[in-house]
C-alpha cells in the first residue's frame, strides 16, 4: 500500500539534511512547499500596505518563509518508519517543540509512480 507522508518542518535550514537522510533510506521523490502556520500568521499582525487581493507572501511581508512542507508518496509502512527515524535523526524528537509536525495517510490511488522514477540519471 502507498502512503502520503506530509512533514511540516519548523526550521527551513534543516530541510537539505532531511532530504539527504530520506534519500539515503530510499525515498525517490519529495515535493517541497513554502508554508506558514496559523500562529505565525496571526503574530505577523495586521498590515495596511497589502493589496486588495493579497497573496500569502503579501500578508507575511517580503520573502520571509517560516516553514517548509515536504510531501512524498512511498510504498509500505516500513518506508514510512524509516523516514520518521531519519527525520528525527536530523532534527530531534518530533514531540519536542519547534521541530516539526509529520502525519501519514493512506493513498487509495496514485498515478505517475512508474519505473521512470528509478532512473535519476537525467536529473
PDB file of N, CA and C in Angstrom:
ATOM      1  N   UNK A   1       0.835  -1.176   0.000  1.00  0.00           N
ATOM      2  CA  UNK A   1       0.000   0.000   0.000  1.00  0.00           C
ATOM      3  C   UNK A   1       0.883   1.242   0.000  1.00  0.00           C
ATOM      4  N   UNK A   2       0.420   2.276  -0.666  1.00  0.00           N
ATOM      5  CA  UNK A   2       1.126   3.558  -0.717  1.00  0.00           C
ATOM      6  C   UNK A   2       0.639   4.463   0.401  1.00  0.00           C
ATOM      7  N   UNK A   3       1.557   5.351   0.838  1.00  0.00           N
ATOM      8  CA  UNK A   3       1.228   6.308   1.883  1.00  0.00           C
ATOM      9  C   UNK A   3       1.744   7.684   1.491  1.00  0.00           C
ATOM     10  N   UNK A   4       0.980   8.714   1.845  1.00  0.00           N
ATOM     11  CA  UNK A   4       1.423  10.087   1.693  1.00  0.00           C
ATOM     12  C   UNK A   4       2.003  10.533   3.025  1.00  0.00           C
ATOM     13  N   UNK A   5       3.276  10.920   2.999  1.00  0.00           N
ATOM     14  CA  UNK A   5       3.942  11.455   4.176  1.00  0.00           C
ATOM     15  C   UNK A   5       3.982  12.971   4.010  1.00  0.00           C
ATOM     16  N   UNK A   6       3.418  13.679   4.982  1.00  0.00           N
ATOM     17  CA  UNK A   6       3.410  15.135   4.988  1.00  0.00           C
ATOM     18  C   UNK A   6       4.200  15.574   6.210  1.00  0.00           C
ATOM     19  N   UNK A   7       5.251  16.327   5.978  1.00  0.00           N
ATOM     20  CA  UNK A   7       6.126  16.747   7.060  1.00  0.00           C
ATOM     21  C   UNK A   7       6.304  18.257   7.004  1.00  0.00           C
ATOM     22  N   UNK A   8       5.775  18.954   7.999  1.00  0.00           N
ATOM     23  CA  UNK A   8       5.912  20.395   8.098  1.00  0.00           C
ATOM     24  C   UNK A   8       7.133  20.657   8.978  1.00  0.00           C
ATOM     25  N   UNK A   9       8.180  21.175   8.369  1.00  0.00           N
ATOM     26  CA  UNK A   9       9.464  21.368   9.037  1.00  0.00           C
ATOM     27  C   UNK A   9       9.527  22.792   9.584  1.00  0.00           C
ATOM     28  N   UNK A  10       9.780  22.912  10.876  1.00  0.00           N
ATOM     29  CA  UNK A  10       9.797  24.216  11.518  1.00  0.00           C
ATOM     30  C   UNK A  10      10.970  25.072  11.057  1.00  0.00           C
ATOM     31  N   UNK A  11      12.143  24.482  10.904  1.00  0.00           N
ATOM     32  CA  UNK A  11      13.344  25.230  10.534  1.00  0.00           C
ATOM     33  C   UNK A  11      13.731  24.896   9.091  1.00  0.00           C
ATOM     34  N   UNK A  12      13.513  25.815   8.153  1.00  0.00           N
ATOM     35  CA  UNK A  12      13.831  25.543   6.749  1.00  0.00           C
ATOM     36  C   UNK A  12      15.294  25.165   6.505  1.00  0.00           C
ATOM     37  N   UNK A  13      16.197  25.602   7.374  1.00  0.00           N
ATOM     38  CA  UNK A  13      17.617  25.289   7.192  1.00  0.00           C
ATOM     39  C   UNK A  13      17.922  23.809   7.364  1.00  0.00           C
ATOM     40  N   UNK A  14      17.029  23.066   8.022  1.00  0.00           N
ATOM     41  CA  UNK A  14      17.259  21.630   8.213  1.00  0.00           C
ATOM     42  C   UNK A  14      16.738  20.789   7.052  1.00  0.00           C
ATOM     43  N   UNK A  15      16.022  21.406   6.115  1.00  0.00           N
ATOM     44  CA  UNK A  15      15.426  20.659   5.005  1.00  0.00           C
ATOM     45  C   UNK A  15      16.462  19.920   4.149  1.00  0.00           C
ATOM     46  N   UNK A  16      17.574  20.533   3.731  1.00  0.00           N
ATOM     47  CA  UNK A  16      18.548  19.775   2.925  1.00  0.00           C
ATOM     48  C   UNK A  16      19.045  18.512   3.621  1.00  0.00           C
ATOM     49  N   UNK A  17      19.282  18.594   4.931  1.00  0.00           N
ATOM     50  CA  UNK A  17      19.738  17.415   5.671  1.00  0.00           C
ATOM     51  C   UNK A  17      18.653  16.351   5.751  1.00  0.00           C
ATOM     52  N   UNK A  18      17.407  16.770   5.912  1.00  0.00           N
ATOM     53  CA  UNK A  18      16.289  15.825   5.932  1.00  0.00           C
ATOM     54  C   UNK A  18      16.155  15.144   4.571  1.00  0.00           C
ATOM     55  N   UNK A  19      16.246  15.929   3.494  1.00  0.00           N
ATOM     56  CA  UNK A  19      16.146  15.358   2.149  1.00  0.00           C
ATOM     57  C   UNK A  19      17.260  14.346   1.901  1.00  0.00           C
ATOM     58  N   UNK A  20      18.473  14.674   2.333  1.00  0.00           N
ATOM     59  CA  UNK A  20      19.591  13.733   2.187  1.00  0.00           C
ATOM     60  C   UNK A  20      19.339  12.453   2.972  1.00  0.00           C
ATOM     61  N   UNK A  21      18.845  12.593   4.196  1.00  0.00           N
ATOM     62  CA  UNK A  21      18.563  11.422   5.031  1.00  0.00           C
ATOM     63  C   UNK A  21      17.463  10.566   4.411  1.00  0.00           C
ATOM     64  N   UNK A  22      16.434  11.210   3.876  1.00  0.00           N
ATOM     65  CA  UNK A  22      15.353  10.456   3.236  1.00  0.00           C
ATOM     66  C   UNK A  22      15.853   9.749   1.986  1.00  0.00           C
ATOM     67  N   UNK A  23      16.686  10.415   1.212  1.00  0.00           N
ATOM     68  CA  UNK A  23      17.234   9.782   0.016  1.00  0.00           C
ATOM     69  C   UNK A  23      18.071   8.559   0.393  1.00  0.00           C
ATOM     70  N   UNK A  24      18.820   8.646   1.473  1.00  0.00           N
ATOM     71  CA  UNK A  24      19.640   7.520   1.937  1.00  0.00           C
ATOM     72  C   UNK A  24      18.800   6.308   2.332  1.00  0.00           C
ATOM     73  N   UNK A  25      17.567   6.541   2.810  1.00  0.00           N
ATOM     74  CA  UNK A  25      16.712   5.406   3.185  1.00  0.00           C
ATOM     75  C   UNK A  25      15.854   4.919   2.023  1.00  0.00           C
ATOM     76  N   UNK A  26      15.981   5.581   0.849  1.00  0.00           N
ATOM     77  CA  UNK A  26      15.307   5.081  -0.344  1.00  0.00           C
ATOM     78  C   UNK A  26      14.142   5.884  -0.865  1.00  0.00           C
ATOM     79  N   UNK A  27      13.915   7.075  -0.343  1.00  0.00           N
ATOM     80  CA  UNK A  27      12.832   7.918  -0.860  1.00  0.00           C
ATOM     81  C   UNK A  27      13.225   8.420  -2.244  1.00  0.00           C
ATOM     82  N   UNK A  28      12.322   8.269  -3.211  1.00  0.00           N
ATOM     83  CA  UNK A  28      12.632   8.608  -4.591  1.00  0.00           C
ATOM     84  C   UNK A  28      12.236  10.022  -4.983  1.00  0.00           C
ATOM     85  N   UNK A  29      11.296  10.614  -4.280  1.00  0.00           N
ATOM     86  CA  UNK A  29      10.866  11.954  -4.656  1.00  0.00           C
ATOM     87  C   UNK A  29      10.167  12.664  -3.518  1.00  0.00           C
ATOM     88  N   UNK A  30      10.382  13.970  -3.445  1.00  0.00           N
ATOM     89  CA  UNK A  30       9.767  14.808  -2.416  1.00  0.00           C
ATOM     90  C   UNK A  30       9.381  16.134  -3.068  1.00  0.00           C
ATOM     91  N   UNK A  31       8.176  16.593  -2.795  1.00  0.00           N
ATOM     92  CA  UNK A  31       7.750  17.918  -3.216  1.00  0.00           C
ATOM     93  C   UNK A  31       7.881  18.840  -2.016  1.00  0.00           C
ATOM     94  N   UNK A  32       8.427  20.039  -2.246  1.00  0.00           N
ATOM     95  CA  UNK A  32       8.696  20.984  -1.163  1.00  0.00           C
ATOM     96  C   UNK A  32       7.853  22.244  -1.391  1.00  0.00           C
ATOM     97  N   UNK A  33       7.083  22.607  -0.376  1.00  0.00           N
ATOM     98  CA  UNK A  33       6.242  23.802  -0.447  1.00  0.00           C
ATOM     99  C   UNK A  33       6.654  24.794   0.626  1.00  0.00           C
ATOM    100  N   UNK A  34       6.550  26.090   0.320  1.00  0.00           N
ATOM    101  CA  UNK A  34       6.712  27.127   1.330  1.00  0.00           C
ATOM    102  C   UNK A  34       5.400  27.192   2.107  1.00  0.00           C
ATOM    103  N   UNK A  35       5.481  27.318   3.436  1.00  0.00           N
ATOM    104  CA  UNK A  35       4.260  27.345   4.228  1.00  0.00           C
ATOM    105  C   UNK A  35       4.479  28.112   5.522  1.00  0.00           C
ATOM    106  N   UNK A  36       3.378  28.431   6.178  1.00  0.00           N
ATOM    107  CA  UNK A  36       3.435  29.045   7.496  1.00  0.00           C
ATOM    108  C   UNK A  36       2.245  28.562   8.299  1.00  0.00           C
ATOM    109  N   UNK A  37       2.378  28.617   9.601  1.00  0.00           N
ATOM    110  CA  UNK A  37       1.302  28.176  10.482  1.00  0.00           C
ATOM    111  C   UNK A  37       0.404  29.325  10.897  1.00  0.00           C
ATOM    112  N   UNK A  38      -0.758  28.983  11.423  1.00  0.00           N
ATOM    113  CA  UNK A  38      -1.742  29.967  11.825  1.00  0.00           C
ATOM    114  C   UNK A  38      -1.193  30.889  12.914  1.00  0.00           C
ATOM    115  N   UNK A  39      -0.459  30.332  13.873  1.00  0.00           N
ATOM    116  CA  UNK A  39       0.086  31.154  14.947  1.00  0.00           C
ATOM    117  C   UNK A  39       1.041  32.209  14.433  1.00  0.00           C
ATOM    118  N   UNK A  40       1.942  31.804  13.544  1.00  0.00           N
ATOM    119  CA  UNK A  40       2.893  32.774  12.987  1.00  0.00           C
ATOM    120  C   UNK A  40       2.191  33.785  12.101  1.00  0.00           C
ATOM    121  N   UNK A  41       1.160  33.335  11.409  1.00  0.00           N
ATOM    122  CA  UNK A  41       0.384  34.237  10.561  1.00  0.00           C
ATOM    123  C   UNK A  41      -0.279  35.307  11.418  1.00  0.00           C
ATOM    124  N   UNK A  42      -0.884  34.885  12.510  1.00  0.00           N
ATOM    125  CA  UNK A  42      -1.561  35.844  13.398  1.00  0.00           C
ATOM    126  C   UNK A  42      -0.562  36.773  14.076  1.00  0.00           C
ATOM    127  N   UNK A  43       0.603  36.263  14.472  1.00  0.00           N
ATOM    128  CA  UNK A  43       1.608  37.100  15.133  1.00  0.00           C
ATOM    129  C   UNK A  43       2.202  38.132  14.183  1.00  0.00           C
ATOM    130  N   UNK A  44       2.077  37.916  12.883  1.00  0.00           N
ATOM    131  CA  UNK A  44       2.602  38.883  11.918  1.00  0.00           C
ATOM    132  C   UNK A  44       1.862  40.208  12.022  1.00  0.00           C
ATOM    133  N   UNK A  45       0.635  40.172  12.557  1.00  0.00           N
ATOM    134  CA  UNK A  45      -0.122  41.399  12.781  1.00  0.00           C
ATOM    135  C   UNK A  45      -0.808  41.895  11.525  1.00  0.00           C
ATOM    136  N   UNK A  46      -1.713  42.831  11.720  1.00  0.00           N
ATOM    137  CA  UNK A  46      -2.430  43.439  10.609  1.00  0.00           C
ATOM    138  C   UNK A  46      -1.546  44.479   9.951  1.00  0.00           C
ATOM    139  N   UNK A  47      -1.618  44.535   8.629  1.00  0.00           N
ATOM    140  CA  UNK A  47      -0.806  45.484   7.880  1.00  0.00           C
ATOM    141  C   UNK A  47      -1.717  46.291   6.974  1.00  0.00           C
ATOM    142  N   UNK A  48      -1.375  47.546   6.762  1.00  0.00           N
ATOM    143  CA  UNK A  48      -2.197  48.387   5.896  1.00  0.00           C
ATOM    144  C   UNK A  48      -1.586  48.587   4.514  1.00  0.00           C
ATOM    145  N   UNK A  49      -0.487  47.899   4.216  1.00  0.00           N
ATOM    146  CA  UNK A  49       0.177  48.072   2.925  1.00  0.00           C
ATOM    147  C   UNK A  49      -0.021  46.881   1.993  1.00  0.00           C
ATOM    148  N   UNK A  50      -1.064  46.075   2.236  1.00  0.00           N
ATOM    149  CA  UNK A  50      -1.303  44.916   1.380  1.00  0.00           C
ATOM    150  C   UNK A  50      -2.311  45.276   0.295  1.00  0.00           C
ATOM    151  N   UNK A  51      -2.207  44.635  -0.870  1.00  0.00           N
ATOM    152  CA  UNK A  51      -3.147  44.912  -1.957  1.00  0.00           C
ATOM    153  C   UNK A  51      -4.560  44.418  -1.633  1.00  0.00           C
ATOM    154  N   UNK A  52      -5.520  44.827  -2.459  1.00  0.00           N
ATOM    155  CA  UNK A  52      -6.919  44.433  -2.265  1.00  0.00           C
ATOM    156  C   UNK A  52      -7.081  42.918  -2.271  1.00  0.00           C
ATOM    157  N   UNK A  53      -6.376  42.214  -3.152  1.00  0.00           N
ATOM    158  CA  UNK A  53      -6.413  40.752  -3.235  1.00  0.00           C
ATOM    159  C   UNK A  53      -5.019  40.237  -2.883  1.00  0.00           C
ATOM    160  N   UNK A  54      -4.666  40.176  -1.598  1.00  0.00           N
ATOM    161  CA  UNK A  54      -3.300  39.824  -1.225  1.00  0.00           C
ATOM    162  C   UNK A  54      -3.009  38.338  -1.368  1.00  0.00           C
ATOM    163  N   UNK A  55      -1.757  38.046  -1.667  1.00  0.00           N
ATOM    164  CA  UNK A  55      -1.276  36.664  -1.621  1.00  0.00           C
ATOM    165  C   UNK A  55      -0.754  36.434  -0.214  1.00  0.00           C
ATOM    166  N   UNK A  56      -0.470  35.172   0.109  1.00  0.00           N
ATOM    167  CA  UNK A  56       0.106  34.868   1.418  1.00  0.00           C
ATOM    168  C   UNK A  56       1.429  35.604   1.592  1.00  0.00           C
ATOM    169  N   UNK A  57       2.230  35.677   0.534  1.00  0.00           N
ATOM    170  CA  UNK A  57       3.517  36.380   0.591  1.00  0.00           C
ATOM    171  C   UNK A  57       3.304  37.862   0.917  1.00  0.00           C
ATOM    172  N   UNK A  58       2.244  38.483   0.330  1.00  0.00           N
ATOM    173  CA  UNK A  58       1.954  39.883   0.636  1.00  0.00           C
ATOM    174  C   UNK A  58       1.610  40.048   2.110  1.00  0.00           C
ATOM    175  N   UNK A  59       0.807  39.138   2.631  1.00  0.00           N
ATOM    176  CA  UNK A  59       0.380  39.232   4.022  1.00  0.00           C
ATOM    177  C   UNK A  59       1.532  39.040   4.997  1.00  0.00           C
ATOM    178  N   UNK A  60       2.463  38.185   4.649  1.00  0.00           N
ATOM    179  CA  UNK A  60       3.577  37.908   5.550  1.00  0.00           C
ATOM    180  C   UNK A  60       4.702  38.926   5.420  1.00  0.00           C
ATOM    181  N   UNK A  61       4.690  39.669   4.343  1.00  0.00           N
ATOM    182  CA  UNK A  61       5.670  40.728   4.179  1.00  0.00           C
ATOM    183  C   UNK A  61       6.987  40.245   3.632  1.00  0.00           C
ATOM    184  N   UNK A  62       7.251  40.501   2.382  1.00  0.00           N
ATOM    185  CA  UNK A  62       8.535  40.168   1.781  1.00  0.00           C
ATOM    186  C   UNK A  62       8.708  38.699   1.506  1.00  0.00           C
ATOM    187  N   UNK A  63       9.956  38.298   1.466  1.00  0.00           N
ATOM    188  CA  UNK A  63      10.292  36.934   1.088  1.00  0.00           C
ATOM    189  C   UNK A  63      10.509  36.012   2.282  1.00  0.00           C
ATOM    190  N   UNK A  64      10.173  36.464   3.483  1.00  0.00           N
ATOM    191  CA  UNK A  64      10.406  35.638   4.658  1.00  0.00           C
ATOM    192  C   UNK A  64       9.526  34.393   4.596  1.00  0.00           C
ATOM    193  N   UNK A  65      10.146  33.250   4.816  1.00  0.00           N
ATOM    194  CA  UNK A  65       9.443  31.978   4.791  1.00  0.00           C
ATOM    195  C   UNK A  65       9.636  31.327   6.147  1.00  0.00           C
ATOM    196  N   UNK A  66       8.575  30.867   6.728  1.00  0.00           N
ATOM    197  CA  UNK A  66       8.646  30.339   8.080  1.00  0.00           C
ATOM    198  C   UNK A  66       8.826  28.830   8.160  1.00  0.00           C
ATOM    199  N   UNK A  67       8.224  28.092   7.262  1.00  0.00           N
ATOM    200  CA  UNK A  67       8.274  26.635   7.287  1.00  0.00           C
ATOM    201  C   UNK A  67       8.484  26.102   5.877  1.00  0.00           C
ATOM    202  N   UNK A  68       8.753  24.806   5.811  1.00  0.00           N
ATOM    203  CA  UNK A  68       8.702  24.059   4.548  1.00  0.00           C
ATOM    204  C   UNK A  68       7.816  22.850   4.807  1.00  0.00           C
ATOM    205  N   UNK A  69       6.985  22.541   3.850  1.00  0.00           N
ATOM    206  CA  UNK A  69       6.160  21.342   3.927  1.00  0.00           C
ATOM    207  C   UNK A  69       6.677  20.368   2.875  1.00  0.00           C
ATOM    208  N   UNK A  70       7.049  19.175   3.329  1.00  0.00           N
ATOM    209  CA  UNK A  70       7.573  18.132   2.454  1.00  0.00           C
ATOM    210  C   UNK A  70       6.472  17.104   2.226  1.00  0.00           C
ATOM    211  N   UNK A  71       6.267  16.735   0.969  1.00  0.00           N
ATOM    212  CA  UNK A  71       5.258  15.745   0.595  1.00  0.00           C
ATOM    213  C   UNK A  71       5.936  14.625  -0.173  1.00  0.00           C
ATOM    214  N   UNK A  72       5.638  13.383   0.214  1.00  0.00           N
ATOM    215  CA  UNK A  72       6.201  12.252  -0.513  1.00  0.00           C
ATOM    216  C   UNK A  72       5.238  11.074  -0.436  1.00  0.00           C
ATOM    217  N   UNK A  73       5.012  10.431  -1.568  1.00  0.00           N
ATOM    218  CA  UNK A  73       4.217   9.200  -1.615  1.00  0.00           C
ATOM    219  C   UNK A  73       5.208   8.043  -1.697  1.00  0.00           C
ATOM    220  N   UNK A  74       5.086   7.123  -0.731  1.00  0.00           N
ATOM    221  CA  UNK A  74       6.020   5.999  -0.641  1.00  0.00           C
ATOM    222  C   UNK A  74       5.246   4.698  -0.490  1.00  0.00           C
ATOM    223  N   UNK A  75       5.943   3.604  -0.764  1.00  0.00           N
ATOM    224  CA  UNK A  75       5.353   2.272  -0.643  1.00  0.00           C
ATOM    225  C   UNK A  75       5.694   1.662   0.710  1.00  0.00           C
ATOM    226  N   UNK A  76       4.677   1.233   1.438  1.00  0.00           N
ATOM    227  CA  UNK A  76       4.852   0.423   2.631  1.00  0.00           C
ATOM    228  C   UNK A  76       5.107   1.188   3.915  1.00  0.00           C
ATOM    229  N   UNK A  77       4.610   0.615   5.004  1.00  0.00           N
ATOM    230  CA  UNK A  77       4.791   1.211   6.324  1.00  0.00           C
ATOM    231  C   UNK A  77       6.248   1.182   6.770  1.00  0.00           C
ATOM    232  N   UNK A  78       7.008   0.212   6.280  1.00  0.00           N
ATOM    233  CA  UNK A  78       8.421   0.141   6.640  1.00  0.00           C
ATOM    234  C   UNK A  78       9.166   1.384   6.157  1.00  0.00           C
ATOM    235  N   UNK A  79       8.836   1.844   4.949  1.00  0.00           N
ATOM    236  CA  UNK A  79       9.469   3.051   4.422  1.00  0.00           C
ATOM    237  C   UNK A  79       9.055   4.259   5.252  1.00  0.00           C
ATOM    238  N   UNK A  80       7.802   4.334   5.632  1.00  0.00           N
ATOM    239  CA  UNK A  80       7.332   5.440   6.475  1.00  0.00           C
ATOM    240  C   UNK A  80       8.119   5.460   7.779  1.00  0.00           C
ATOM    241  N   UNK A  81       8.279   4.282   8.400  1.00  0.00           N
ATOM    242  CA  UNK A  81       9.038   4.199   9.654  1.00  0.00           C
ATOM    243  C   UNK A  81      10.475   4.667   9.460  1.00  0.00           C
ATOM    244  N   UNK A  82      11.097   4.275   8.348  1.00  0.00           N
ATOM    245  CA  UNK A  82      12.482   4.704   8.077  1.00  0.00           C
ATOM    246  C   UNK A  82      12.562   6.222   7.888  1.00  0.00           C
ATOM    247  N   UNK A  83      11.548   6.789   7.243  1.00  0.00           N
ATOM    248  CA  UNK A  83      11.528   8.239   7.027  1.00  0.00           C
ATOM    249  C   UNK A  83      11.421   8.998   8.346  1.00  0.00           C
ATOM    250  N   UNK A  84      10.583   8.497   9.244  1.00  0.00           N
ATOM    251  CA  UNK A  84      10.410   9.167  10.535  1.00  0.00           C
ATOM    252  C   UNK A  84      11.700   9.105  11.345  1.00  0.00           C
ATOM    253  N   UNK A  85      12.316   7.934  11.387  1.00  0.00           N
ATOM    254  CA  UNK A  85      13.586   7.789  12.112  1.00  0.00           C
ATOM    255  C   UNK A  85      14.646   8.705  11.506  1.00  0.00           C
ATOM    256  N   UNK A  86      14.745   8.731  10.177  1.00  0.00           N
ATOM    257  CA  UNK A  86      15.739   9.572   9.509  1.00  0.00           C
ATOM    258  C   UNK A  86      15.503  11.049   9.815  1.00  0.00           C
ATOM    259  N   UNK A  87      14.244  11.486   9.787  1.00  0.00           N
ATOM    260  CA  UNK A  87      13.932  12.888  10.081  1.00  0.00           C
ATOM    261  C   UNK A  87      14.290  13.236  11.519  1.00  0.00           C
ATOM    262  N   UNK A  88      13.951  12.342  12.445  1.00  0.00           N
ATOM    263  CA  UNK A  88      14.252  12.610  13.845  1.00  0.00           C
ATOM    264  C   UNK A  88      15.757  12.569  14.122  1.00  0.00           C
ATOM    265  N   UNK A  89      16.500  11.806  13.349  1.00  0.00           N
ATOM    266  CA  UNK A  89      17.954  11.816  13.489  1.00  0.00           C
ATOM    267  C   UNK A  89      18.534  13.177  13.111  1.00  0.00           C
ATOM    268  N   UNK A  90      17.835  13.899  12.244  1.00  0.00           N
ATOM    269  CA  UNK A  90      18.304  15.224  11.816  1.00  0.00           C
ATOM    270  C   UNK A  90      17.844  16.310  12.777  1.00  0.00           C
ATOM    271  N   UNK A  91      16.554  16.328  13.120  1.00  0.00           N
ATOM    272  CA  UNK A  91      16.008  17.465  13.884  1.00  0.00           C
ATOM    273  C   UNK A  91      15.680  17.159  15.327  1.00  0.00           C
ATOM    274  N   UNK A  92      15.744  15.905  15.724  1.00  0.00           N
ATOM    275  CA  UNK A  92      15.383  15.550  17.092  1.00  0.00           C
ATOM    276  C   UNK A  92      13.963  15.010  17.170  1.00  0.00           C
ATOM    277  N   UNK A  93      13.540  14.714  18.374  1.00  0.00           N
ATOM    278  CA  UNK A  93      12.230  14.129  18.640  1.00  0.00           C
ATOM    279  C   UNK A  93      11.122  15.072  18.163  1.00  0.00           C
ATOM    280  N   UNK A  94      10.226  14.560  17.344  1.00  0.00           N
ATOM    281  CA  UNK A  94       9.135  15.387  16.822  1.00  0.00           C
ATOM    282  C   UNK A  94       8.168  15.836  17.908  1.00  0.00           C
ATOM    283  N   UNK A  95       8.212  15.203  19.066  1.00  0.00           N
ATOM    284  CA  UNK A  95       7.365  15.655  20.175  1.00  0.00           C
ATOM    285  C   UNK A  95       7.959  16.859  20.897  1.00  0.00           C
ATOM    286  N   UNK A  96       9.209  17.210  20.587  1.00  0.00           N
ATOM    287  CA  UNK A  96       9.821  18.406  21.156  1.00  0.00           C
ATOM    288  C   UNK A  96       9.288  19.633  20.417  1.00  0.00           C
ATOM    289  N   UNK A  97       9.230  20.770  21.109  1.00  0.00           N
ATOM    290  CA  UNK A  97       8.735  21.981  20.440  1.00  0.00           C
ATOM    291  C   UNK A  97       9.666  22.448  19.330  1.00  0.00           C
ATOM    292  N   UNK A  98       9.079  23.092  18.346  1.00  0.00           N
ATOM    293  CA  UNK A  98       9.805  23.754  17.252  1.00  0.00           C
ATOM    294  C   UNK A  98      10.668  22.801  16.421  1.00  0.00           C
ATOM    295  N   UNK A  99      10.195  21.564  16.248  1.00  0.00           N
ATOM    296  CA  UNK A  99      10.893  20.634  15.366  1.00  0.00           C
ATOM    297  C   UNK A  99      10.108  20.460  14.085  1.00  0.00           C
ATOM    298  N   UNK A 100       8.852  20.102  14.214  1.00  0.00           N
ATOM    299  CA  UNK A 100       8.019  19.907  13.043  1.00  0.00           C
ATOM    300  C   UNK A 100       6.801  19.081  13.384  1.00  0.00           C
ATOM    301  N   UNK A 101       6.003  18.835  12.364  1.00  0.00           N
ATOM    302  CA  UNK A 101       4.774  18.054  12.502  1.00  0.00           C
ATOM    303  C   UNK A 101       4.704  17.126  11.299  1.00  0.00           C
ATOM    304  N   UNK A 102       4.562  15.842  11.555  1.00  0.00           N
ATOM    305  CA  UNK A 102       4.532  14.849  10.490  1.00  0.00           C
ATOM    306  C   UNK A 102       3.272  14.018  10.631  1.00  0.00           C
ATOM    307  N   UNK A 103       2.596  13.802   9.496  1.00  0.00           N
ATOM    308  CA  UNK A 103       1.477  12.869   9.503  1.00  0.00           C
ATOM    309  C   UNK A 103       1.496  12.042   8.228  1.00  0.00           C
ATOM    310  N   UNK A 104       0.834  10.894   8.311  1.00  0.00           N
ATOM    311  CA  UNK A 104       0.823   9.923   7.219  1.00  0.00           C
ATOM    312  C   UNK A 104      -0.620   9.533   6.952  1.00  0.00           C
ATOM    313  N   UNK A 105      -0.958   9.428   5.674  1.00  0.00           N
ATOM    314  CA  UNK A 105      -2.299   8.995   5.303  1.00  0.00           C
ATOM    315  C   UNK A 105      -2.203   7.979   4.165  1.00  0.00           C
ATOM    316  N   UNK A 106      -3.075   6.990   4.161  1.00  0.00           N
ATOM    317  CA  UNK A 106      -3.053   6.022   3.055  1.00  0.00           C
ATOM    318  C   UNK A 106      -3.422   6.697   1.727  1.00  0.00           C
ATOM    319  N   UNK A 107      -2.820   6.218   0.662  1.00  0.00           N
ATOM    320  CA  UNK A 107      -3.138   6.697  -0.677  1.00  0.00           C
ATOM    321  C   UNK A 107      -3.949   5.599  -1.356  1.00  0.00           C
ATOM    322  N   UNK A 108      -5.175   5.919  -1.676  1.00  0.00           N
ATOM    323  CA  UNK A 108      -6.060   4.929  -2.285  1.00  0.00           C
ATOM    324  C   UNK A 108      -5.661   4.653  -3.719  1.00  0.00           C
ATOM    325  N   UNK A 109      -5.200   5.697  -4.408  1.00  0.00           N
ATOM    326  CA  UNK A 109      -4.852   5.544  -5.816  1.00  0.00           C
ATOM    327  C   UNK A 109      -3.786   6.570  -6.183  1.00  0.00           C
ATOM    328  N   UNK A 110      -2.821   6.157  -6.980  1.00  0.00           N
ATOM    329  CA  UNK A 110      -1.774   7.070  -7.430  1.00  0.00           C
ATOM    330  C   UNK A 110      -1.371   6.718  -8.852  1.00  0.00           C
ATOM    331  N   UNK A 111      -1.054   7.722  -9.631  1.00  0.00           N
ATOM    332  CA  UNK A 111      -0.554   7.522 -10.993  1.00  0.00           C
ATOM    333  C   UNK A 111       0.745   8.298 -11.120  1.00  0.00           C
ATOM    334  N   UNK A 112       1.637   7.833 -11.958  1.00  0.00           N
ATOM    335  CA  UNK A 112       2.891   8.532 -12.176  1.00  0.00           C
ATOM    336  C   UNK A 112       4.018   8.070 -11.277  1.00  0.00           C
ATOM    337  N   UNK A 113       3.849   6.927 -10.656  1.00  0.00           N
ATOM    338  CA  UNK A 113       4.893   6.393  -9.780  1.00  0.00           C
ATOM    339  C   UNK A 113       5.595   5.221 -10.445  1.00  0.00           C
ATOM    340  N   UNK A 114       5.691   5.268 -11.775  1.00  0.00           N
ATOM    341  CA  UNK A 114       6.245   4.153 -12.531  1.00  0.00           C
ATOM    342  C   UNK A 114       7.741   3.997 -12.401  1.00  0.00           C
ATOM    343  N   UNK A 115       8.281   3.078 -13.179  1.00  0.00           N
ATOM    344  CA  UNK A 115       9.704   2.744 -13.138  1.00  0.00           C
ATOM    345  C   UNK A 115      10.593   3.914 -13.515  1.00  0.00           C
ATOM    346  N   UNK A 116      10.074   4.878 -14.281  1.00  0.00           N
ATOM    347  CA  UNK A 116      10.893   6.032 -14.672  1.00  0.00           C
ATOM    348  C   UNK A 116      11.411   6.793 -13.459  1.00  0.00           C
ATOM    349  N   UNK A 117      10.738   6.682 -12.320  1.00  0.00           N
ATOM    350  CA  UNK A 117      11.198   7.371 -11.105  1.00  0.00           C
ATOM    351  C   UNK A 117      12.491   6.768 -10.581  1.00  0.00           C
ATOM    352  N   UNK A 118      12.786   5.547 -10.980  1.00  0.00           N
ATOM    353  CA  UNK A 118      14.009   4.899 -10.513  1.00  0.00           C
ATOM    354  C   UNK A 118      15.240   5.388 -11.253  1.00  0.00           C
ATOM    355  N   UNK A 119      15.051   5.951 -12.464  1.00  0.00           N
ATOM    356  CA  UNK A 119      16.165   6.439 -13.267  1.00  0.00           C
ATOM    357  C   UNK A 119      16.416   7.898 -12.941  1.00  0.00           C
ATOM    358  N   UNK A 120      17.414   8.186 -12.104  1.00  0.00           N
ATOM    359  CA  UNK A 120      17.702   9.557 -11.670  1.00  0.00           C
ATOM    360  C   UNK A 120      18.828  10.163 -12.493  1.00  0.00           C
ATOM    361  N   UNK A 121      19.263   9.476 -13.563  1.00  0.00           N
ATOM    362  CA  UNK A 121      20.413   9.937 -14.343  1.00  0.00           C
ATOM    363  C   UNK A 121      20.140  11.235 -15.098  1.00  0.00           C
ATOM    364  N   UNK A 122      18.863  11.572 -15.314  1.00  0.00           N
ATOM    365  CA  UNK A 122      18.515  12.763 -16.095  1.00  0.00           C
ATOM    366  C   UNK A 122      18.232  13.963 -15.218  1.00  0.00           C
ATOM    367  N   UNK A 123      18.456  13.829 -13.918  1.00  0.00           N
ATOM    368  CA  UNK A 123      18.182  14.946 -13.002  1.00  0.00           C
ATOM    369  C   UNK A 123      19.383  15.812 -12.818  1.00  0.00           C
TER     370      UNK A 123
END
